Amino acid sequence: MEILDLHIHTTWGSWDSGLSPHRLGDAMNKAGLTGAATAEHLRPWPEGEVMRFREETGLFLVAAREWETDMGHIISLGLPEKVGPVYRAEHLRRVADEYGGLLILAHPFRYFPGPSSLLFGSIPNAGQMSVAELAQHPVFHLVDAIEVLNGGCVDWENQLAYQVAQYLGKPMVGSSDAHSFTEVGRYGTIFHSPIRSLADLIQALGEGRCQPAIRRDGTFLPFSLEPR
């Protein structure tokens, strides 16, 4: 079994992170992770740094990117370092298709409901919308997977993301959104097949061969909810 945290920020490419690349391996080992994705805000890890990290720690790592788009924050896997800037979600979808990449919608219901919600802030009565109505937001149809556990969200926000992903039949992931050592691995994603390369990861996520998980007492437990 593989357990990956697919949303980690380090000082390499995220101005708001206090987690150094040097300490990332220790944080992953302490949390019991077998792999991770560094989803930086400003610049992705160079391939050389990724390979060095793998060799020095024995842990799996891929360089991702978190994009601030007109439809919320989206994590990309498999895009080359040269891509950017991208501000429109539809454009990011086209770029991902061009390079065979994969897109994960990050924390879709953070600050929901209310004006700070990136997806529904302009809708006065968004809190009264059903799961089916929420699922009609166009961004859900532009991404390949949905982050249903995010360490920066409250339980209600994560639960709603799970319900929408379940309604849509989208693959679900759990991630810490860590910006510090102690936050790494709060949530994770379980894979029951080996993940040894970026291609393995993209294929498993695209096929939905993954499961969000919450870490309790040092063990990652699969997360699920009954439909609302």
C-alpha atoms as a PDB file:
ATOM      1  CA  MET A   1       0.000   0.000   0.000  1.00  0.00           C
ATOM      2  CA  GLU A   2       1.230   3.483  -0.892  1.00  0.00           C
ATOM      3  CA  ILE A   3       0.240   6.628   1.023  1.00  0.00           C
ATOM      4  CA  LEU A   4       0.880   9.969  -0.643  1.00  0.00           C
ATOM      5  CA  ASP A   5       0.278  13.552   0.452  1.00  0.00           C
ATOM      6  CA  LEU A   6      -0.453  15.341  -2.828  1.00  0.00           C
ATOM      7  CA  HIS A   7      -0.479  18.956  -1.613  1.00  0.00           C
ATOM      8  CA  ILE A   8       2.624  20.161   0.223  1.00  0.00           C
ATOM      9  CA  HIS A   9       4.274  23.596   0.055  1.00  0.00           C
ATOM     10  CA  THR A  10       7.955  24.224   0.771  1.00  0.00           C
ATOM     11  CA  THR A  11      10.194  27.252   0.867  1.00  0.00           C
ATOM     12  CA  TRP A  12      11.534  26.246  -2.542  1.00  0.00           C
ATOM     13  CA  GLY A  13       8.546  27.647  -4.411  1.00  0.00           C
ATOM     14  CA  SER A  14       5.933  28.961  -1.955  1.00  0.00           C
ATOM     15  CA  TRP A  15       6.419  32.307  -0.229  1.00  0.00           C
ATOM     16  CA  ASP A  16       4.004  31.415   2.590  1.00  0.00           C
ATOM     17  CA  SER A  17       5.674  28.134   3.617  1.00  0.00           C
ATOM     18  CA  GLY A  18       8.039  27.573   6.515  1.00  0.00           C
ATOM     19  CA  LEU A  19       8.902  23.987   5.504  1.00  0.00           C
ATOM     20  CA  SER A  20      12.372  23.659   4.010  1.00  0.00           C
ATOM     21  CA  PRO A  21      13.104  21.003   1.365  1.00  0.00           C
ATOM     22  CA  HIS A  22      15.799  19.700   3.736  1.00  0.00           C
ATOM     23  CA  ARG A  23      13.188  18.828   6.391  1.00  0.00           C
ATOM     24  CA  LEU A  24      10.526  17.475   4.030  1.00  0.00           C
ATOM     25  CA  GLY A  25      11.888  13.931   4.098  1.00  0.00           C
ATOM     26  CA  ASP A  26      11.913  13.863   7.901  1.00  0.00           C
ATOM     27  CA  ALA A  27       8.346  15.171   7.984  1.00  0.00           C
ATOM     28  CA  MET A  28       7.193  12.500   5.538  1.00  0.00           C
ATOM     29  CA  ASN A  29       8.881   9.718   7.507  1.00  0.00           C
ATOM     30  CA  LYS A  30       7.382  10.940  10.765  1.00  0.00           C
ATOM     31  CA  ALA A  31       3.899  10.976   9.229  1.00  0.00           C
ATOM     32  CA  GLY A  32       4.277   7.511   7.695  1.00  0.00           C
ATOM     33  CA  LEU A  33       4.035   8.643   4.072  1.00  0.00           C
ATOM     34  CA  THR A  34       5.595   6.743   1.191  1.00  0.00           C
ATOM     35  CA  GLY A  35       5.402   9.675  -1.208  1.00  0.00           C
ATOM     36  CA  ALA A  36       4.314  13.249  -1.792  1.00  0.00           C
ATOM     37  CA  ALA A  37       3.749  15.996  -4.322  1.00  0.00           C
ATOM     38  CA  THR A  38       5.159  19.468  -3.775  1.00  0.00           C
ATOM     39  CA  ALA A  39       2.401  21.732  -5.115  1.00  0.00           C
ATOM     40  CA  GLU A  40       4.236  25.036  -5.059  1.00  0.00           C
ATOM     41  CA  HIS A  41       2.622  28.426  -5.633  1.00  0.00           C
ATOM     42  CA  LEU A  42       5.405  30.227  -7.492  1.00  0.00           C
ATOM     43  CA  ARG A  43       7.673  27.677  -9.165  1.00  0.00           C
ATOM     44  CA  PRO A  44       7.822  23.882  -9.290  1.00  0.00           C
ATOM     45  CA  TRP A  45      10.769  21.862  -8.062  1.00  0.00           C
ATOM     46  CA  PRO A  46      13.285  21.250 -10.880  1.00  0.00           C
ATOM     47  CA  GLU A  47      13.568  17.641 -11.970  1.00  0.00           C
ATOM     48  CA  GLY A  48      17.122  17.487 -10.693  1.00  0.00           C
ATOM     49  CA  GLU A  49      16.017  18.426  -7.171  1.00  0.00           C
ATOM     50  CA  VAL A  50      13.222  15.858  -7.281  1.00  0.00           C
ATOM     51  CA  MET A  51      15.643  13.086  -8.267  1.00  0.00           C
ATOM     52  CA  ARG A  52      18.134  14.142  -5.599  1.00  0.00           C
ATOM     53  CA  PHE A  53      15.405  14.033  -2.959  1.00  0.00           C
ATOM     54  CA  ARG A  54      14.363  10.532  -4.038  1.00  0.00           C
ATOM     55  CA  GLU A  55      17.941   9.260  -3.947  1.00  0.00           C
ATOM     56  CA  GLU A  56      18.768  10.785  -0.568  1.00  0.00           C
ATOM     57  CA  THR A  57      15.563   9.824   1.248  1.00  0.00           C
ATOM     58  CA  GLY A  58      14.303   6.721  -0.546  1.00  0.00           C
ATOM     59  CA  LEU A  59      10.889   8.378  -0.691  1.00  0.00           C
ATOM     60  CA  PHE A  60       8.802   9.013  -3.778  1.00  0.00           C
ATOM     61  CA  LEU A  61       8.335  12.654  -4.793  1.00  0.00           C
ATOM     62  CA  VAL A  62       6.860  14.500  -7.754  1.00  0.00           C
ATOM     63  CA  ALA A  63       6.820  18.194  -8.532  1.00  0.00           C
ATOM     64  CA  ALA A  64       3.320  19.610  -8.888  1.00  0.00           C
ATOM     65  CA  ARG A  65       1.997  23.160  -9.096  1.00  0.00           C
ATOM     66  CA  GLU A  66      -0.944  24.938  -7.463  1.00  0.00           C
ATOM     67  CA  TRP A  67      -2.500  27.474  -9.818  1.00  0.00           C
ATOM     68  CA  GLU A  68      -4.735  30.353  -8.769  1.00  0.00           C
ATOM     69  CA  THR A  69      -7.341  30.437 -11.532  1.00  0.00           C
ATOM     70  CA  ASP A  70     -10.607  32.197 -12.207  1.00  0.00           C
ATOM     71  CA  MET A  71     -12.295  29.049 -10.869  1.00  0.00           C
ATOM     72  CA  GLY A  72     -10.365  28.450  -7.685  1.00  0.00           C
ATOM     73  CA  HIS A  73      -7.088  26.695  -6.929  1.00  0.00           C
ATOM     74  CA  ILE A  74      -6.108  23.771  -9.136  1.00  0.00           C
ATOM     75  CA  ILE A  75      -3.144  21.422  -8.689  1.00  0.00           C
ATOM     76  CA  SER A  76      -1.486  20.159 -11.853  1.00  0.00           C
ATOM     77  CA  LEU A  77       0.619  17.037 -12.283  1.00  0.00           C
ATOM     78  CA  GLY A  78       2.716  16.317 -15.348  1.00  0.00           C
ATOM     79  CA  LEU A  79       3.157  19.837 -16.713  1.00  0.00           C
ATOM     80  CA  PRO A  80       6.698  20.924 -17.664  1.00  0.00           C
ATOM     81  CA  GLU A  81       8.477  23.648 -15.709  1.00  0.00           C
ATOM     82  CA  LYS A  82       8.230  26.083 -18.631  1.00  0.00           C
ATOM     83  CA  VAL A  83       4.412  26.300 -18.491  1.00  0.00           C
ATOM     84  CA  GLY A  84       2.955  29.501 -17.106  1.00  0.00           C
ATOM     85  CA  PRO A  85       1.477  31.761 -16.153  1.00  0.00           C
ATOM     86  CA  VAL A  86      -2.044  30.346 -16.482  1.00  0.00           C
ATOM     87  CA  TYR A  87      -5.014  32.190 -15.009  1.00  0.00           C
ATOM     88  CA  ARG A  88      -8.062  30.626 -16.623  1.00  0.00           C
ATOM     89  CA  ALA A  89      -9.194  27.150 -15.628  1.00  0.00           C
ATOM     90  CA  GLU A  90     -10.272  26.335 -19.166  1.00  0.00           C
ATOM     91  CA  HIS A  91      -6.804  27.248 -20.428  1.00  0.00           C
ATOM     92  CA  LEU A  92      -5.197  25.052 -17.769  1.00  0.00           C
ATOM     93  CA  ARG A  93      -7.385  22.157 -18.903  1.00  0.00           C
ATOM     94  CA  ARG A  94      -6.155  22.572 -22.481  1.00  0.00           C
ATOM     95  CA  VAL A  95      -2.538  22.708 -21.336  1.00  0.00           C
ATOM     96  CA  ALA A  96      -2.978  19.579 -19.227  1.00  0.00           C
ATOM     97  CA  ASP A  97      -4.488  17.744 -22.187  1.00  0.00           C
ATOM     98  CA  GLU A  98      -1.620  18.873 -24.412  1.00  0.00           C
ATOM     99  CA  TYR A  99       1.017  17.417 -22.079  1.00  0.00           C
ATOM    100  CA  GLY A 100      -0.907  14.423 -20.764  1.00  0.00           C
ATOM    101  CA  GLY A 101      -1.183  15.978 -17.319  1.00  0.00           C
ATOM    102  CA  LEU A 102      -3.791  15.660 -14.600  1.00  0.00           C
ATOM    103  CA  LEU A 103      -5.728  18.314 -12.658  1.00  0.00           C
ATOM    104  CA  ILE A 104      -6.940  18.162  -9.048  1.00  0.00           C
ATOM    105  CA  LEU A 105      -9.348  20.780  -7.703  1.00  0.00           C
ATOM    106  CA  ALA A 106      -7.995  21.924  -4.335  1.00  0.00           C
ATOM    107  CA  HIS A 107     -10.202  22.765  -1.323  1.00  0.00           C
ATOM    108  CA  PRO A 108     -13.311  23.606  -3.411  1.00  0.00           C
ATOM    109  CA  PHE A 109     -15.487  24.586  -0.425  1.00  0.00           C
ATOM    110  CA  ARG A 110     -13.012  26.532   1.707  1.00  0.00           C
ATOM    111  CA  TYR A 111     -14.877  29.475   3.333  1.00  0.00           C
ATOM    112  CA  PHE A 112     -18.210  28.142   2.048  1.00  0.00           C
ATOM    113  CA  PRO A 113     -20.769  29.629   2.197  1.00  0.00           C
ATOM    114  CA  GLY A 114     -19.822  33.271   2.131  1.00  0.00           C
ATOM    115  CA  PRO A 115     -18.194  35.992   0.041  1.00  0.00           C
ATOM    116  CA  SER A 116     -14.690  34.531   0.497  1.00  0.00           C
ATOM    117  CA  SER A 117     -15.625  31.282  -1.242  1.00  0.00           C
ATOM    118  CA  LEU A 118     -13.659  31.199  -4.502  1.00  0.00           C
ATOM    119  CA  LEU A 119     -16.312  29.182  -6.315  1.00  0.00           C
ATOM    120  CA  PHE A 120     -19.579  30.394  -4.826  1.00  0.00           C
ATOM    121  CA  GLY A 121     -18.790  33.722  -3.167  1.00  0.00           C
ATOM    122  CA  SER A 122     -20.888  35.699  -5.630  1.00  0.00           C
ATOM    123  CA  ILE A 123     -24.031  33.611  -4.978  1.00  0.00           C
ATOM    124  CA  PRO A 124     -25.997  35.055  -2.014  1.00  0.00           C
ATOM    125  CA  ASN A 125     -27.904  31.856  -1.186  1.00  0.00           C
ATOM    126  CA  ALA A 126     -25.177  29.333  -1.973  1.00  0.00           C
ATOM    127  CA  GLY A 127     -25.581  27.722   1.450  1.00  0.00           C
ATOM    128  CA  GLN A 128     -29.077  26.629   0.458  1.00  0.00           C
ATOM    129  CA  MET A 129     -27.973  24.885  -2.742  1.00  0.00           C
ATOM    130  CA  SER A 130     -28.226  21.110  -2.942  1.00  0.00           C
ATOM    131  CA  VAL A 131     -25.258  18.872  -3.691  1.00  0.00           C
ATOM    132  CA  ALA A 132     -26.632  18.367  -7.201  1.00  0.00           C
ATOM    133  CA  GLU A 133     -26.823  22.124  -7.755  1.00  0.00           C
ATOM    134  CA  LEU A 134     -23.336  22.736  -6.380  1.00  0.00           C
ATOM    135  CA  ALA A 135     -21.962  20.026  -8.647  1.00  0.00           C
ATOM    136  CA  GLN A 136     -23.026  21.993 -11.717  1.00  0.00           C
ATOM    137  CA  HIS A 137     -20.226  24.520 -11.243  1.00  0.00           C
ATOM    138  CA  PRO A 138     -18.180  24.264 -14.460  1.00  0.00           C
ATOM    139  CA  VAL A 139     -14.854  23.783 -12.668  1.00  0.00           C
ATOM    140  CA  PHE A 140     -15.842  20.306 -11.499  1.00  0.00           C
ATOM    141  CA  HIS A 141     -16.049  19.232 -15.132  1.00  0.00           C
ATOM    142  CA  LEU A 142     -12.625  20.679 -15.983  1.00  0.00           C
ATOM    143  CA  VAL A 143     -10.662  18.654 -13.417  1.00  0.00           C
ATOM    144  CA  ASP A 144      -9.816  14.970 -13.159  1.00  0.00           C
ATOM    145  CA  ALA A 145     -10.022  14.608  -9.382  1.00  0.00           C
ATOM    146  CA  ILE A 146     -11.252  16.516  -6.347  1.00  0.00           C
ATOM    147  CA  GLU A 147      -9.439  17.135  -3.077  1.00  0.00           C
ATOM    148  CA  VAL A 148     -12.030  16.118  -0.471  1.00  0.00           C
ATOM    149  CA  LEU A 149      -9.735  16.284   2.560  1.00  0.00           C
ATOM    150  CA  ASN A 150      -7.624  19.407   2.986  1.00  0.00           C
ATOM    151  CA  GLY A 151      -5.705  20.275   6.138  1.00  0.00           C
ATOM    152  CA  GLY A 152      -6.667  23.934   5.876  1.00  0.00           C
ATOM    153  CA  CYS A 153     -10.408  23.262   5.762  1.00  0.00           C
ATOM    154  CA  VAL A 154     -12.895  22.580   8.535  1.00  0.00           C
ATOM    155  CA  ASP A 155     -14.785  19.289   8.607  1.00  0.00           C
ATOM    156  CA  TRP A 156     -17.932  20.762   7.043  1.00  0.00           C
ATOM    157  CA  GLU A 157     -16.006  22.058   4.028  1.00  0.00           C
ATOM    158  CA  ASN A 158     -14.278  18.725   3.481  1.00  0.00           C
ATOM    159  CA  GLN A 159     -17.505  16.776   3.872  1.00  0.00           C
ATOM    160  CA  LEU A 160     -19.235  18.888   1.257  1.00  0.00           C
ATOM    161  CA  ALA A 161     -16.345  18.384  -1.167  1.00  0.00           C
ATOM    162  CA  TYR A 162     -16.664  14.626  -0.603  1.00  0.00           C
ATOM    163  CA  GLN A 163     -20.397  14.707  -1.279  1.00  0.00           C
ATOM    164  CA  VAL A 164     -19.985  16.626  -4.521  1.00  0.00           C
ATOM    165  CA  ALA A 165     -17.172  14.333  -5.716  1.00  0.00           C
ATOM    166  CA  GLN A 166     -19.260  11.308  -4.852  1.00  0.00           C
ATOM    167  CA  TYR A 167     -22.252  12.739  -6.719  1.00  0.00           C
ATOM    168  CA  LEU A 168     -20.100  13.352  -9.799  1.00  0.00           C
ATOM    169  CA  GLY A 169     -18.250  10.045  -9.571  1.00  0.00           C
ATOM    170  CA  LYS A 170     -14.906  11.857  -9.534  1.00  0.00           C
ATOM    171  CA  PRO A 171     -11.715  10.399  -8.040  1.00  0.00           C
ATOM    172  CA  MET A 172     -11.076  11.745  -4.524  1.00  0.00           C
ATOM    173  CA  VAL A 173      -7.822  12.619  -2.803  1.00  0.00           C
ATOM    174  CA  GLY A 174      -6.798  13.687   0.675  1.00  0.00           C
ATOM    175  CA  SER A 175      -3.968  16.153   1.234  1.00  0.00           C
ATOM    176  CA  SER A 176      -2.490  18.177   4.062  1.00  0.00           C
ATOM    177  CA  ASP A 177      -1.919  21.482   2.214  1.00  0.00           C
ATOM    178  CA  ALA A 178       1.048  21.633   4.573  1.00  0.00           C
ATOM    179  CA  HIS A 179       3.080  24.793   5.015  1.00  0.00           C
ATOM    180  CA  SER A 180       5.029  23.543   8.045  1.00  0.00           C
ATOM    181  CA  PHE A 181       6.725  20.402   9.347  1.00  0.00           C
ATOM    182  CA  THR A 182       3.939  19.386  11.721  1.00  0.00           C
ATOM    183  CA  GLU A 183       1.193  19.692   9.096  1.00  0.00           C
ATOM    184  CA  VAL A 184       2.646  17.146   6.669  1.00  0.00           C
ATOM    185  CA  GLY A 185       0.526  14.003   6.392  1.00  0.00           C
ATOM    186  CA  ARG A 186      -2.502  15.187   8.335  1.00  0.00           C
ATOM    187  CA  TYR A 187      -4.438  13.699   5.444  1.00  0.00           C
ATOM    188  CA  GLY A 188      -3.246  11.445   2.652  1.00  0.00           C
ATOM    189  CA  THR A 189      -4.302   9.402  -0.348  1.00  0.00           C
ATOM    190  CA  ILE A 190      -4.129   5.615  -0.312  1.00  0.00           C
ATOM    191  CA  PHE A 191      -3.081   3.678  -3.420  1.00  0.00           C
ATOM    192  CA  HIS A 192      -3.248  -0.110  -3.454  1.00  0.00           C
ATOM    193  CA  SER A 193      -0.919  -0.442  -6.443  1.00  0.00           C
ATOM    194  CA  PRO A 194       2.756   0.590  -6.604  1.00  0.00           C
ATOM    195  CA  ILE A 195       3.462   4.244  -7.390  1.00  0.00           C
ATOM    196  CA  ARG A 196       6.997   4.429  -8.730  1.00  0.00           C
ATOM    197  CA  SER A 197       6.747   7.186 -11.320  1.00  0.00           C
ATOM    198  CA  LEU A 198       4.748  10.245 -12.294  1.00  0.00           C
ATOM    199  CA  ALA A 199       3.084   8.133 -14.988  1.00  0.00           C
ATOM    200  CA  ASP A 200       1.999   5.580 -12.363  1.00  0.00           C
ATOM    201  CA  LEU A 201       0.509   8.359 -10.253  1.00  0.00           C
ATOM    202  CA  ILE A 202      -1.363  10.030 -13.100  1.00  0.00           C
ATOM    203  CA  GLN A 203      -2.762   6.712 -14.294  1.00  0.00           C
ATOM    204  CA  ALA A 204      -3.916   5.621 -10.828  1.00  0.00           C
ATOM    205  CA  LEU A 205      -5.565   8.982 -10.131  1.00  0.00           C
ATOM    206  CA  GLY A 206      -7.195   9.139 -13.549  1.00  0.00           C
ATOM    207  CA  GLU A 207      -8.653   5.663 -13.096  1.00  0.00           C
ATOM    208  CA  GLY A 208      -9.834   6.435  -9.569  1.00  0.00           C
ATOM    209  CA  ARG A 209      -7.632   3.776  -7.987  1.00  0.00           C
ATOM    210  CA  CYS A 210      -7.153   5.854  -4.869  1.00  0.00           C
ATOM    211  CA  GLN A 211      -8.901   6.680  -1.617  1.00  0.00           C
ATOM    212  CA  PRO A 212      -8.734   9.706   0.700  1.00  0.00           C
ATOM    213  CA  ALA A 213      -7.447   8.942   4.180  1.00  0.00           C
ATOM    214  CA  ILE A 214      -7.164  10.612   7.569  1.00  0.00           C
ATOM    215  CA  ARG A 215      -4.229   9.978   9.914  1.00  0.00           C
ATOM    216  CA  ARG A 216      -5.179   8.977  13.444  1.00  0.00           C
ATOM    217  CA  ASP A 217      -2.745   7.695  16.049  1.00  0.00           C
ATOM    218  CA  GLY A 218      -0.087   7.272  13.384  1.00  0.00           C
ATOM    219  CA  THR A 219      -2.275   5.197  11.056  1.00  0.00           C
ATOM    220  CA  PHE A 220      -3.961   6.270   7.825  1.00  0.00           C
ATOM    221  CA  LEU A 221      -7.620   5.273   7.757  1.00  0.00           C
ATOM    222  CA  PRO A 222      -9.820   5.382   4.642  1.00  0.00           C
ATOM    223  CA  PHE A 223     -12.333   8.235   4.766  1.00  0.00           C
ATOM    224  CA  SER A 224     -15.935   7.975   3.635  1.00  0.00           C
ATOM    225  CA  LEU A 225     -19.337   9.517   4.264  1.00  0.00           C
ATOM    226  CA  GLU A 226     -22.899   8.455   3.803  1.00  0.00           C
ATOM    227  CA  PRO A 227     -24.597  10.452   0.999  1.00  0.00           C
ATOM    228  CA  ARG A 228     -26.455  13.580   2.174  1.00  0.00           C
END
